[in-house]
N, C-alpha and C. Protein backbone atom coordinates (compact mmCIF):
# COMPACT_ATOMS: atom_id res chain seq x y z
N MET A 1 -19.86 -12.87 -0.77
CA MET A 1 -18.50 -12.66 -1.25
C MET A 1 -18.18 -11.18 -1.37
N GLU A 2 -19.15 -10.40 -1.82
CA GLU A 2 -18.92 -8.96 -1.94
C GLU A 2 -18.67 -8.32 -0.59
N PHE A 3 -19.39 -8.79 0.43
CA PHE A 3 -19.18 -8.25 1.77
C PHE A 3 -17.78 -8.59 2.28
N LEU A 4 -17.31 -9.80 1.96
CA LEU A 4 -15.98 -10.21 2.39
C LEU A 4 -14.89 -9.36 1.73
N VAL A 5 -15.03 -9.10 0.44
CA VAL A 5 -14.04 -8.29 -0.27
C VAL A 5 -14.08 -6.85 0.23
N ALA A 6 -15.29 -6.31 0.42
CA ALA A 6 -15.40 -4.93 0.92
C ALA A 6 -14.85 -4.82 2.33
N SER A 7 -15.09 -5.83 3.16
CA SER A 7 -14.57 -5.80 4.53
C SER A 7 -13.05 -5.90 4.55
N SER A 8 -12.49 -6.73 3.66
CA SER A 8 -11.03 -6.86 3.63
C SER A 8 -10.38 -5.57 3.14
N ILE A 9 -11.01 -4.89 2.17
CA ILE A 9 -10.49 -3.61 1.71
C ILE A 9 -10.53 -2.59 2.85
N GLY A 10 -11.63 -2.55 3.58
CA GLY A 10 -11.75 -1.64 4.71
C GLY A 10 -10.76 -1.95 5.82
N LEU A 11 -10.54 -3.23 6.11
CA LEU A 11 -9.58 -3.61 7.14
C LEU A 11 -8.15 -3.26 6.74
N LEU A 12 -7.80 -3.53 5.48
CA LEU A 12 -6.46 -3.16 5.01
C LEU A 12 -6.24 -1.65 5.06
N THR A 13 -7.27 -0.89 4.68
CA THR A 13 -7.16 0.58 4.71
C THR A 13 -7.04 1.08 6.14
N THR A 14 -7.83 0.53 7.05
CA THR A 14 -7.78 0.96 8.45
C THR A 14 -6.43 0.64 9.08
N CYS A 15 -5.96 -0.57 8.89
CA CYS A 15 -4.66 -0.95 9.46
C CYS A 15 -3.52 -0.14 8.85
N GLY A 16 -3.58 0.09 7.54
CA GLY A 16 -2.55 0.88 6.88
C GLY A 16 -2.52 2.32 7.38
N THR A 17 -3.70 2.91 7.57
CA THR A 17 -3.77 4.28 8.08
C THR A 17 -3.26 4.35 9.51
N TYR A 18 -3.63 3.37 10.33
CA TYR A 18 -3.14 3.34 11.72
C TYR A 18 -1.62 3.24 11.76
N LEU A 19 -1.06 2.37 10.94
CA LEU A 19 0.39 2.21 10.94
C LEU A 19 1.11 3.43 10.36
N LEU A 20 0.47 4.13 9.43
CA LEU A 20 1.07 5.36 8.90
C LEU A 20 1.21 6.43 9.97
N LEU A 21 0.35 6.41 10.96
CA LEU A 21 0.36 7.43 12.00
C LEU A 21 1.28 7.08 13.17
N ARG A 22 1.99 5.98 13.09
CA ARG A 22 2.92 5.59 14.16
C ARG A 22 4.16 6.48 14.13
N GLY A 23 4.94 6.44 15.18
CA GLY A 23 6.09 7.34 15.31
C GLY A 23 7.41 6.78 14.82
N ARG A 24 7.43 5.56 14.34
CA ARG A 24 8.68 4.97 13.87
C ARG A 24 8.58 4.64 12.39
N THR A 25 9.73 4.46 11.74
CA THR A 25 9.71 4.32 10.28
C THR A 25 9.24 2.95 9.82
N PHE A 26 9.56 1.88 10.54
CA PHE A 26 9.15 0.55 10.07
C PHE A 26 7.64 0.40 10.00
N PRO A 27 6.86 0.80 11.03
CA PRO A 27 5.40 0.72 10.88
C PRO A 27 4.87 1.61 9.76
N VAL A 28 5.53 2.72 9.47
CA VAL A 28 5.10 3.58 8.37
C VAL A 28 5.28 2.86 7.04
N VAL A 29 6.38 2.15 6.87
CA VAL A 29 6.62 1.40 5.64
C VAL A 29 5.59 0.29 5.49
N ILE A 30 5.30 -0.42 6.56
CA ILE A 30 4.29 -1.48 6.53
C ILE A 30 2.91 -0.89 6.25
N GLY A 31 2.61 0.27 6.82
CA GLY A 31 1.33 0.93 6.57
C GLY A 31 1.16 1.33 5.11
N LEU A 32 2.22 1.83 4.50
CA LEU A 32 2.15 2.17 3.07
C LEU A 32 1.94 0.91 2.22
N ALA A 33 2.58 -0.18 2.60
CA ALA A 33 2.39 -1.43 1.87
C ALA A 33 0.95 -1.92 1.99
N LEU A 34 0.38 -1.84 3.20
CA LEU A 34 -1.01 -2.26 3.38
C LEU A 34 -1.97 -1.38 2.60
N LEU A 35 -1.71 -0.08 2.56
CA LEU A 35 -2.57 0.79 1.76
C LEU A 35 -2.46 0.47 0.27
N SER A 36 -1.28 0.15 -0.19
CA SER A 36 -1.15 -0.20 -1.61
C SER A 36 -1.86 -1.53 -1.90
N TYR A 37 -1.82 -2.48 -0.95
CA TYR A 37 -2.58 -3.72 -1.13
C TYR A 37 -4.08 -3.44 -1.19
N ALA A 38 -4.55 -2.54 -0.34
CA ALA A 38 -5.97 -2.20 -0.33
C ALA A 38 -6.39 -1.58 -1.66
N VAL A 39 -5.56 -0.71 -2.20
CA VAL A 39 -5.87 -0.09 -3.50
C VAL A 39 -5.86 -1.14 -4.60
N ASN A 40 -4.92 -2.08 -4.55
CA ASN A 40 -4.88 -3.14 -5.56
C ASN A 40 -6.12 -4.01 -5.51
N VAL A 41 -6.55 -4.40 -4.32
CA VAL A 41 -7.75 -5.23 -4.20
C VAL A 41 -8.98 -4.43 -4.65
N PHE A 42 -9.01 -3.14 -4.33
CA PHE A 42 -10.12 -2.30 -4.76
C PHE A 42 -10.18 -2.21 -6.28
N LEU A 43 -9.04 -1.96 -6.93
CA LEU A 43 -9.02 -1.90 -8.39
C LEU A 43 -9.43 -3.22 -9.02
N PHE A 44 -8.96 -4.30 -8.43
CA PHE A 44 -9.27 -5.62 -8.96
C PHE A 44 -10.76 -5.93 -8.80
N ALA A 45 -11.33 -5.55 -7.66
CA ALA A 45 -12.75 -5.82 -7.41
C ALA A 45 -13.66 -4.94 -8.27
N MET A 46 -13.22 -3.73 -8.57
CA MET A 46 -14.05 -2.83 -9.38
C MET A 46 -14.07 -3.21 -10.85
N GLY A 47 -13.20 -4.14 -11.24
CA GLY A 47 -13.14 -4.55 -12.64
C GLY A 47 -14.25 -5.49 -13.05
N ARG A 48 -15.05 -5.96 -12.09
CA ARG A 48 -16.13 -6.90 -12.37
C ARG A 48 -15.61 -8.06 -13.21
N LEU A 49 -14.66 -8.77 -12.64
CA LEU A 49 -14.04 -9.87 -13.36
C LEU A 49 -15.01 -11.04 -13.49
N THR A 50 -14.98 -11.66 -14.63
CA THR A 50 -15.82 -12.82 -14.88
C THR A 50 -14.95 -14.06 -14.92
N ILE A 51 -15.55 -15.20 -14.65
CA ILE A 51 -14.81 -16.45 -14.56
C ILE A 51 -14.91 -17.19 -15.90
N ASN A 52 -13.82 -17.81 -16.30
CA ASN A 52 -13.73 -18.63 -17.51
C ASN A 52 -14.07 -17.86 -18.79
N MET A 53 -13.71 -16.60 -18.84
CA MET A 53 -13.89 -15.80 -20.05
C MET A 53 -12.51 -15.35 -20.55
N PRO A 54 -12.31 -15.31 -21.86
CA PRO A 54 -11.00 -14.87 -22.37
C PRO A 54 -10.82 -13.37 -22.19
N PRO A 55 -9.58 -12.93 -21.96
CA PRO A 55 -9.34 -11.49 -21.77
C PRO A 55 -9.21 -10.72 -23.09
N ILE A 56 -9.24 -11.41 -24.21
CA ILE A 56 -9.12 -10.73 -25.50
C ILE A 56 -10.26 -11.17 -26.42
N LEU A 57 -10.53 -10.37 -27.42
CA LEU A 57 -11.58 -10.70 -28.39
C LEU A 57 -11.05 -11.69 -29.42
N ARG A 58 -11.83 -12.69 -29.69
CA ARG A 58 -11.54 -13.66 -30.75
C ARG A 58 -12.80 -13.86 -31.57
N GLU A 59 -12.64 -14.50 -32.67
CA GLU A 59 -13.82 -14.81 -33.48
C GLU A 59 -14.68 -15.83 -32.76
N GLY A 60 -15.96 -15.58 -32.73
CA GLY A 60 -16.90 -16.50 -32.09
C GLY A 60 -17.08 -16.27 -30.60
N VAL A 61 -16.34 -15.34 -30.01
CA VAL A 61 -16.47 -15.05 -28.57
C VAL A 61 -17.40 -13.86 -28.41
N THR A 62 -18.45 -14.05 -27.63
CA THR A 62 -19.41 -12.96 -27.42
C THR A 62 -19.17 -12.24 -26.11
N GLU A 63 -18.64 -12.93 -25.11
CA GLU A 63 -18.36 -12.31 -23.82
C GLU A 63 -16.88 -12.46 -23.51
N TYR A 64 -16.31 -11.43 -22.91
CA TYR A 64 -14.90 -11.47 -22.57
C TYR A 64 -14.67 -10.67 -21.28
N THR A 65 -13.51 -10.88 -20.68
CA THR A 65 -13.12 -10.18 -19.47
C THR A 65 -12.38 -8.90 -19.85
N ASP A 66 -12.67 -7.83 -19.14
CA ASP A 66 -11.99 -6.56 -19.38
C ASP A 66 -10.55 -6.66 -18.87
N PRO A 67 -9.53 -6.53 -19.70
CA PRO A 67 -8.14 -6.67 -19.24
C PRO A 67 -7.60 -5.41 -18.56
N LEU A 68 -8.32 -4.31 -18.59
CA LEU A 68 -7.80 -3.06 -18.01
C LEU A 68 -7.57 -3.15 -16.50
N PRO A 69 -8.50 -3.69 -15.68
CA PRO A 69 -8.21 -3.78 -14.25
C PRO A 69 -7.00 -4.64 -13.94
N GLN A 70 -6.81 -5.71 -14.68
CA GLN A 70 -5.64 -6.56 -14.45
C GLN A 70 -4.36 -5.81 -14.79
N ALA A 71 -4.37 -5.03 -15.85
CA ALA A 71 -3.19 -4.25 -16.21
C ALA A 71 -2.92 -3.15 -15.18
N LEU A 72 -3.99 -2.52 -14.69
CA LEU A 72 -3.81 -1.49 -13.66
C LEU A 72 -3.24 -2.06 -12.37
N VAL A 73 -3.72 -3.23 -11.97
CA VAL A 73 -3.21 -3.86 -10.74
C VAL A 73 -1.76 -4.28 -10.91
N LEU A 74 -1.42 -4.82 -12.06
CA LEU A 74 -0.03 -5.21 -12.30
C LEU A 74 0.89 -4.00 -12.27
N THR A 75 0.46 -2.91 -12.87
CA THR A 75 1.24 -1.67 -12.84
C THR A 75 1.36 -1.14 -11.41
N ALA A 76 0.27 -1.19 -10.66
CA ALA A 76 0.30 -0.71 -9.28
C ALA A 76 1.21 -1.56 -8.41
N ILE A 77 1.26 -2.86 -8.65
CA ILE A 77 2.16 -3.73 -7.88
C ILE A 77 3.61 -3.35 -8.14
N VAL A 78 3.96 -3.12 -9.38
CA VAL A 78 5.35 -2.76 -9.72
C VAL A 78 5.71 -1.40 -9.11
N ILE A 79 4.81 -0.44 -9.21
CA ILE A 79 5.07 0.89 -8.65
C ILE A 79 5.18 0.83 -7.13
N SER A 80 4.31 0.07 -6.47
CA SER A 80 4.37 -0.01 -5.01
C SER A 80 5.62 -0.75 -4.54
N PHE A 81 6.09 -1.74 -5.32
CA PHE A 81 7.34 -2.40 -4.96
C PHE A 81 8.51 -1.44 -5.03
N GLY A 82 8.58 -0.64 -6.08
CA GLY A 82 9.64 0.35 -6.19
C GLY A 82 9.56 1.42 -5.12
N MET A 83 8.33 1.86 -4.81
CA MET A 83 8.14 2.87 -3.77
C MET A 83 8.55 2.32 -2.40
N THR A 84 8.19 1.07 -2.12
CA THR A 84 8.57 0.46 -0.85
C THR A 84 10.08 0.31 -0.73
N ALA A 85 10.73 -0.09 -1.80
CA ALA A 85 12.19 -0.22 -1.77
C ALA A 85 12.85 1.13 -1.52
N LEU A 86 12.35 2.18 -2.16
CA LEU A 86 12.90 3.52 -1.95
C LEU A 86 12.70 3.98 -0.51
N ILE A 87 11.53 3.76 0.04
CA ILE A 87 11.25 4.20 1.41
C ILE A 87 12.09 3.42 2.42
N VAL A 88 12.30 2.13 2.17
CA VAL A 88 13.16 1.34 3.07
C VAL A 88 14.59 1.86 3.04
N VAL A 89 15.11 2.16 1.86
CA VAL A 89 16.47 2.69 1.75
C VAL A 89 16.57 4.05 2.45
N LEU A 90 15.57 4.91 2.25
CA LEU A 90 15.60 6.21 2.91
C LEU A 90 15.49 6.09 4.43
N SER A 91 14.69 5.15 4.91
CA SER A 91 14.57 5.00 6.36
C SER A 91 15.84 4.42 6.97
N ILE A 92 16.51 3.51 6.26
CA ILE A 92 17.79 2.99 6.75
C ILE A 92 18.84 4.09 6.77
N ARG A 93 18.86 4.90 5.74
CA ARG A 93 19.82 6.02 5.69
C ARG A 93 19.56 7.02 6.82
N THR A 94 18.30 7.31 7.07
CA THR A 94 17.95 8.22 8.17
C THR A 94 18.36 7.62 9.51
N PHE A 95 18.13 6.32 9.68
CA PHE A 95 18.52 5.67 10.93
C PHE A 95 20.03 5.74 11.13
N LEU A 96 20.78 5.54 10.07
CA LEU A 96 22.24 5.57 10.20
C LEU A 96 22.77 6.98 10.47
N GLU A 97 22.10 8.01 9.93
CA GLU A 97 22.56 9.37 10.16
C GLU A 97 22.12 9.93 11.50
N ILE A 98 20.88 9.67 11.89
CA ILE A 98 20.34 10.26 13.11
C ILE A 98 20.60 9.37 14.32
N GLY A 99 20.53 8.06 14.14
CA GLY A 99 20.76 7.15 15.25
C GLY A 99 19.49 6.57 15.84
N ASN A 100 18.33 6.97 15.34
CA ASN A 100 17.07 6.37 15.76
C ASN A 100 16.13 6.33 14.57
N ASP A 101 14.98 5.70 14.78
CA ASP A 101 14.05 5.56 13.66
C ASP A 101 12.74 6.30 13.91
N HIS A 102 12.78 7.37 14.67
CA HIS A 102 11.58 8.18 14.88
C HIS A 102 11.30 9.00 13.63
N VAL A 103 10.03 9.13 13.32
CA VAL A 103 9.63 9.84 12.10
C VAL A 103 9.91 11.33 12.20
N ASP A 104 9.79 11.91 13.40
CA ASP A 104 10.00 13.35 13.54
C ASP A 104 11.47 13.75 13.46
N GLY A 105 12.39 12.78 13.53
CA GLY A 105 13.80 13.07 13.37
C GLY A 105 14.49 13.58 14.61
N GLN A 106 13.78 13.68 15.73
CA GLN A 106 14.38 14.16 16.97
C GLN A 106 15.09 13.01 17.67
N PRO A 107 16.28 13.24 18.21
CA PRO A 107 16.94 12.21 18.99
C PRO A 107 16.12 11.87 20.24
N VAL A 108 16.24 10.63 20.68
CA VAL A 108 15.47 10.18 21.84
C VAL A 108 15.92 10.95 23.07
N GLY A 109 14.97 11.46 23.83
CA GLY A 109 15.28 12.18 25.06
C GLY A 109 15.30 13.68 24.91
N GLU A 110 15.43 14.21 23.69
CA GLU A 110 15.43 15.65 23.49
C GLU A 110 14.02 16.13 23.18
N PRO A 111 13.64 17.30 23.71
CA PRO A 111 12.29 17.81 23.39
C PRO A 111 12.18 18.24 21.95
N SER A 112 11.00 18.05 21.38
CA SER A 112 10.79 18.47 20.00
C SER A 112 10.53 19.97 19.96
N GLU A 113 10.38 20.53 18.75
CA GLU A 113 10.16 21.97 18.60
C GLU A 113 8.84 22.41 19.19
N ALA A 114 7.88 21.50 19.30
CA ALA A 114 6.57 21.85 19.84
C ALA A 114 6.59 21.94 21.37
N GLY A 115 7.70 21.57 21.97
CA GLY A 115 7.82 21.68 23.40
C GLY A 115 7.44 20.40 24.14
N ASP A 116 7.30 19.29 23.44
CA ASP A 116 6.97 18.02 24.09
C ASP A 116 8.19 17.53 24.85
N LYS A 117 7.95 16.88 25.95
CA LYS A 117 9.01 16.26 26.73
C LYS A 117 9.01 14.77 26.43
N ASN A 118 9.88 14.30 25.54
CA ASN A 118 9.91 12.87 25.17
C ASN A 118 10.63 12.08 26.21
């Protein structure tokens, strides 16, 4: 099970990084979402969660689950949702102003400042 979780974290990180390096805005947004999922799974897995244990201390309970990883993941989910919504709005605004969705902001067919012939 540990190998499966570690492999899924690595796969999410690899795919997210690959999509972040793409030249259009939609794959960049998806790549950021995948990276945030990878971080959430990593935080959740590092919490060493136990099964059928209460998350709070009560009388007579000797073992309990640490609630901090769950709180961190919940906070990270809310922050990543807000960040994704902001990036989507900014990419739509950029598309409407420039007319394309390239990350470098150059119109299609015009050479960039580095001298590339697109």
